[in-house]
Amino acid sequence: MPGSRPRASDPPNISGPPMHFAHMPAGYLLTKLLIGKNERVPHLLMCGALVASVLPDFDLSLYLLGLDDRGAHHGYWTHTPAFWLALLLPVIGVAWLARRPIFAAFFGIVLANTLLHLVLDAVASWIPLLRPFSDAWINLQIDLSGEAEWAVAMQEANGLVELAICAVAALVFLASSSRSRAGSVSSAS
């Protein structure tokens, strides 16, 4: 069952390691999924999507610069869906109403990648997903402590999940790159 913690100002003790390096590869995979087979997507769109996939961790810069010593960066406003929805849905709406579908699509992909970041963090750790409506810290990880040893080992293997995400992203990138290179060679002949 997904976990929920009662109201608290500090995050709960985190049982497993947080998500460290899979946000950007996961964002790449999500963006490839959203754009489909369109290989002519502007590089700027993919770059924006990749930046968006790590954008919620911008709050770490405050900690690293010594401007905030809380250390529990998952408690910042950048780790709440409400912030990203309030910021980006109006931008998407204005772009759509202005008949600028590429801008609406771009900011829609940015929104999808920031929300994916939050889901990955909530699976690996605890974050205040419902803030400002609730101070509860949410963890989407299924508690397998009463299950078979292999299931418990999988739960504790966040690093392996991250490696799997990175491996799949690398394979998709290589396959996509070889297809685009093959297309450019055939069109040049």
Protein backbone atom coordinates (compact mmCIF):
# COMPACT_ATOMS: atom_id res chain seq x y z
CA MET A 1 0.00 0.00 0.00
CA PRO A 2 1.30 3.48 -0.71
CA GLY A 3 2.37 5.25 2.44
CA SER A 4 1.13 8.52 3.84
CA ARG A 5 2.46 10.35 6.83
CA PRO A 6 0.45 12.63 9.10
CA ARG A 7 1.13 16.35 9.08
CA ALA A 8 4.74 17.10 9.85
CA SER A 9 7.13 19.91 9.12
CA ASP A 10 10.09 17.59 8.69
CA PRO A 11 10.27 14.71 6.25
CA PRO A 12 9.97 11.18 7.62
CA ASN A 13 12.99 8.95 7.87
CA ILE A 14 13.67 7.69 4.40
CA SER A 15 14.00 3.93 4.25
CA GLY A 16 15.63 3.64 0.85
CA PRO A 17 18.06 5.66 -1.23
CA PRO A 18 16.56 8.60 -3.12
CA MET A 19 16.48 8.81 -6.90
CA HIS A 20 19.86 10.23 -7.94
CA PHE A 21 20.61 9.99 -11.63
CA ALA A 22 17.58 8.59 -13.47
CA HIS A 23 15.49 11.77 -13.71
CA MET A 24 16.99 12.95 -16.99
CA PRO A 25 16.99 9.52 -18.72
CA ALA A 26 13.38 9.01 -17.58
CA GLY A 27 12.53 12.46 -18.95
CA TYR A 28 14.15 11.51 -22.25
CA LEU A 29 12.01 8.35 -22.43
CA LEU A 30 8.82 10.23 -21.56
CA THR A 31 9.54 12.89 -24.17
CA LYS A 32 10.24 10.27 -26.84
CA LEU A 33 6.94 8.60 -25.90
CA LEU A 34 5.04 11.91 -26.10
CA ILE A 35 6.47 12.96 -29.46
CA GLY A 36 5.97 9.54 -30.98
CA LYS A 37 7.78 8.66 -34.18
CA ASN A 38 8.36 12.29 -35.11
CA GLU A 39 12.14 12.22 -35.60
CA ARG A 40 12.19 15.85 -36.74
CA VAL A 41 11.51 17.25 -33.28
CA PRO A 42 13.57 20.37 -32.71
CA HIS A 43 16.60 19.80 -30.52
CA LEU A 44 15.47 22.78 -28.44
CA LEU A 45 12.31 20.89 -27.45
CA MET A 46 14.31 17.88 -26.27
CA CYS A 47 16.77 20.14 -24.42
CA GLY A 48 13.89 21.90 -22.67
CA ALA A 49 12.36 18.56 -21.74
CA LEU A 50 15.65 17.31 -20.28
CA VAL A 51 16.11 20.48 -18.24
CA ALA A 52 12.51 20.17 -17.03
CA SER A 53 13.17 16.60 -15.89
CA VAL A 54 15.60 17.92 -13.25
CA LEU A 55 13.98 21.33 -12.66
CA PRO A 56 12.32 20.35 -9.36
CA ASP A 57 15.82 19.81 -7.91
CA PHE A 58 16.64 23.50 -8.45
CA ASP A 59 16.06 23.88 -4.72
CA LEU A 60 19.28 21.96 -4.11
CA SER A 61 21.18 25.03 -5.30
CA LEU A 62 19.94 26.93 -2.23
CA TYR A 63 21.40 24.26 0.00
CA LEU A 64 24.66 24.00 -1.95
CA LEU A 65 25.10 27.79 -1.90
CA GLY A 66 24.61 27.80 1.87
CA LEU A 67 21.39 29.82 1.64
CA ASP A 68 19.36 27.15 3.38
CA ASP A 69 20.60 24.46 5.73
CA ARG A 70 17.48 22.28 5.93
CA GLY A 71 19.01 19.70 3.63
CA ALA A 72 15.66 17.97 3.08
CA HIS A 73 15.09 19.52 -0.30
CA HIS A 74 12.03 17.41 -1.06
CA GLY A 75 10.09 19.73 1.24
CA TYR A 76 10.52 22.79 -0.96
CA TRP A 77 7.75 24.16 -3.18
CA THR A 78 9.57 22.84 -6.26
CA HIS A 79 8.62 19.33 -5.13
CA THR A 80 4.86 19.95 -5.19
CA PRO A 81 2.64 19.26 -8.20
CA ALA A 82 0.43 22.24 -7.29
CA PHE A 83 3.32 24.64 -7.97
CA TRP A 84 4.07 23.23 -11.42
CA LEU A 85 0.39 22.99 -12.37
CA ALA A 86 -0.28 26.58 -11.25
CA LEU A 87 2.79 27.82 -13.12
CA LEU A 88 2.50 25.90 -16.38
CA LEU A 89 -1.21 25.26 -17.04
CA PRO A 90 -1.92 28.98 -17.62
CA VAL A 91 1.10 29.21 -19.95
CA ILE A 92 -0.13 26.18 -21.90
CA GLY A 93 -3.63 27.68 -22.06
CA VAL A 94 -2.41 31.05 -23.32
CA ALA A 95 -0.20 29.38 -25.94
CA TRP A 96 -3.13 27.27 -27.10
CA LEU A 97 -5.52 30.22 -27.26
CA ALA A 98 -2.88 32.21 -29.18
CA ARG A 99 -2.81 29.34 -31.70
CA ARG A 100 0.78 28.51 -30.95
CA PRO A 101 0.50 24.72 -30.69
CA ILE A 102 4.27 24.17 -30.67
CA PHE A 103 4.57 26.37 -27.56
CA ALA A 104 1.62 24.63 -25.93
CA ALA A 105 3.22 21.27 -26.72
CA PHE A 106 6.60 22.43 -25.41
CA PHE A 107 5.21 23.61 -22.07
CA GLY A 108 3.00 20.50 -21.89
CA ILE A 109 6.13 18.37 -22.20
CA VAL A 110 7.88 20.54 -19.60
CA LEU A 111 4.94 19.98 -17.24
CA ALA A 112 4.91 16.23 -17.89
CA ASN A 113 8.63 15.98 -17.13
CA THR A 114 8.43 17.97 -13.89
CA LEU A 115 5.54 15.79 -12.73
CA LEU A 116 7.45 12.64 -13.70
CA HIS A 117 10.34 13.87 -11.53
CA LEU A 118 7.96 14.15 -8.56
CA VAL A 119 6.53 10.66 -9.15
CA LEU A 120 10.04 9.16 -9.29
CA ASP A 121 10.96 10.96 -6.08
CA ALA A 122 7.76 9.76 -4.39
CA VAL A 123 8.47 6.16 -5.39
CA ALA A 124 12.02 6.29 -4.07
CA SER A 125 11.47 8.63 -1.12
CA TRP A 126 8.91 10.80 0.67
CA ILE A 127 7.64 14.12 -0.72
CA PRO A 128 4.75 16.47 0.16
CA LEU A 129 2.69 15.65 -2.96
CA LEU A 130 -0.49 17.26 -1.66
CA ARG A 131 0.94 20.56 -0.43
CA PRO A 132 -0.51 23.25 -0.06
CA PHE A 133 -3.69 21.26 0.66
CA SER A 134 -2.02 18.92 3.15
CA ASP A 135 1.32 18.73 4.94
CA ALA A 136 1.35 14.94 4.65
CA TRP A 137 4.50 13.41 3.21
CA ILE A 138 3.64 10.77 0.60
CA ASN A 139 5.59 7.71 -0.47
CA LEU A 140 4.27 5.72 -3.42
CA GLN A 141 6.43 2.71 -2.71
CA ILE A 142 4.55 -0.50 -1.96
CA ASP A 143 5.50 -1.97 1.40
CA LEU A 144 6.80 -5.45 0.68
CA SER A 145 8.26 -6.12 4.12
CA GLY A 146 5.92 -9.07 4.71
CA GLU A 147 6.58 -10.56 1.28
CA ALA A 148 9.22 -12.87 -0.14
CA GLU A 149 12.89 -11.98 0.26
CA TRP A 150 13.29 -11.24 -3.45
CA ALA A 151 10.47 -8.67 -3.27
CA VAL A 152 12.09 -6.91 -0.31
CA ALA A 153 15.45 -6.93 -2.12
CA MET A 154 13.82 -5.34 -5.18
CA GLN A 155 12.30 -2.61 -3.02
CA GLU A 156 15.70 -1.81 -1.56
CA ALA A 157 17.31 -1.79 -5.01
CA ASN A 158 16.43 1.72 -6.15
CA GLY A 159 19.88 1.92 -7.70
CA LEU A 160 19.06 -1.03 -9.94
CA VAL A 161 15.83 0.64 -11.02
CA GLU A 162 17.81 3.75 -11.87
CA LEU A 163 20.31 1.69 -13.85
CA ALA A 164 17.47 0.02 -15.74
CA ILE A 165 15.95 3.41 -16.62
CA CYS A 166 19.34 4.64 -17.82
CA ALA A 167 19.95 1.47 -19.86
CA VAL A 168 16.58 1.67 -21.60
CA ALA A 169 17.10 5.38 -22.33
CA ALA A 170 20.55 4.62 -23.80
CA LEU A 171 19.11 1.88 -26.01
CA VAL A 172 16.29 4.13 -27.24
CA PHE A 173 18.78 6.93 -27.91
CA LEU A 174 21.12 4.63 -29.84
CA ALA A 175 18.25 3.16 -31.88
CA SER A 176 16.90 6.63 -32.62
CA SER A 177 20.35 7.94 -33.56
CA SER A 178 21.03 5.04 -35.93
CA ARG A 179 17.61 5.53 -37.61
CA SER A 180 18.20 9.25 -38.10
CA ARG A 181 21.73 8.62 -39.43
CA ALA A 182 20.41 5.98 -41.84
CA GLY A 183 17.73 8.41 -43.04
CA SER A 184 20.24 11.19 -43.65
CA VAL A 185 22.57 8.85 -45.57
CA SER A 186 19.78 7.60 -47.83
CA SER A 187 18.53 11.14 -48.53
CA ALA A 188 22.07 12.31 -49.39
CA SER A 189 22.52 9.61 -52.05
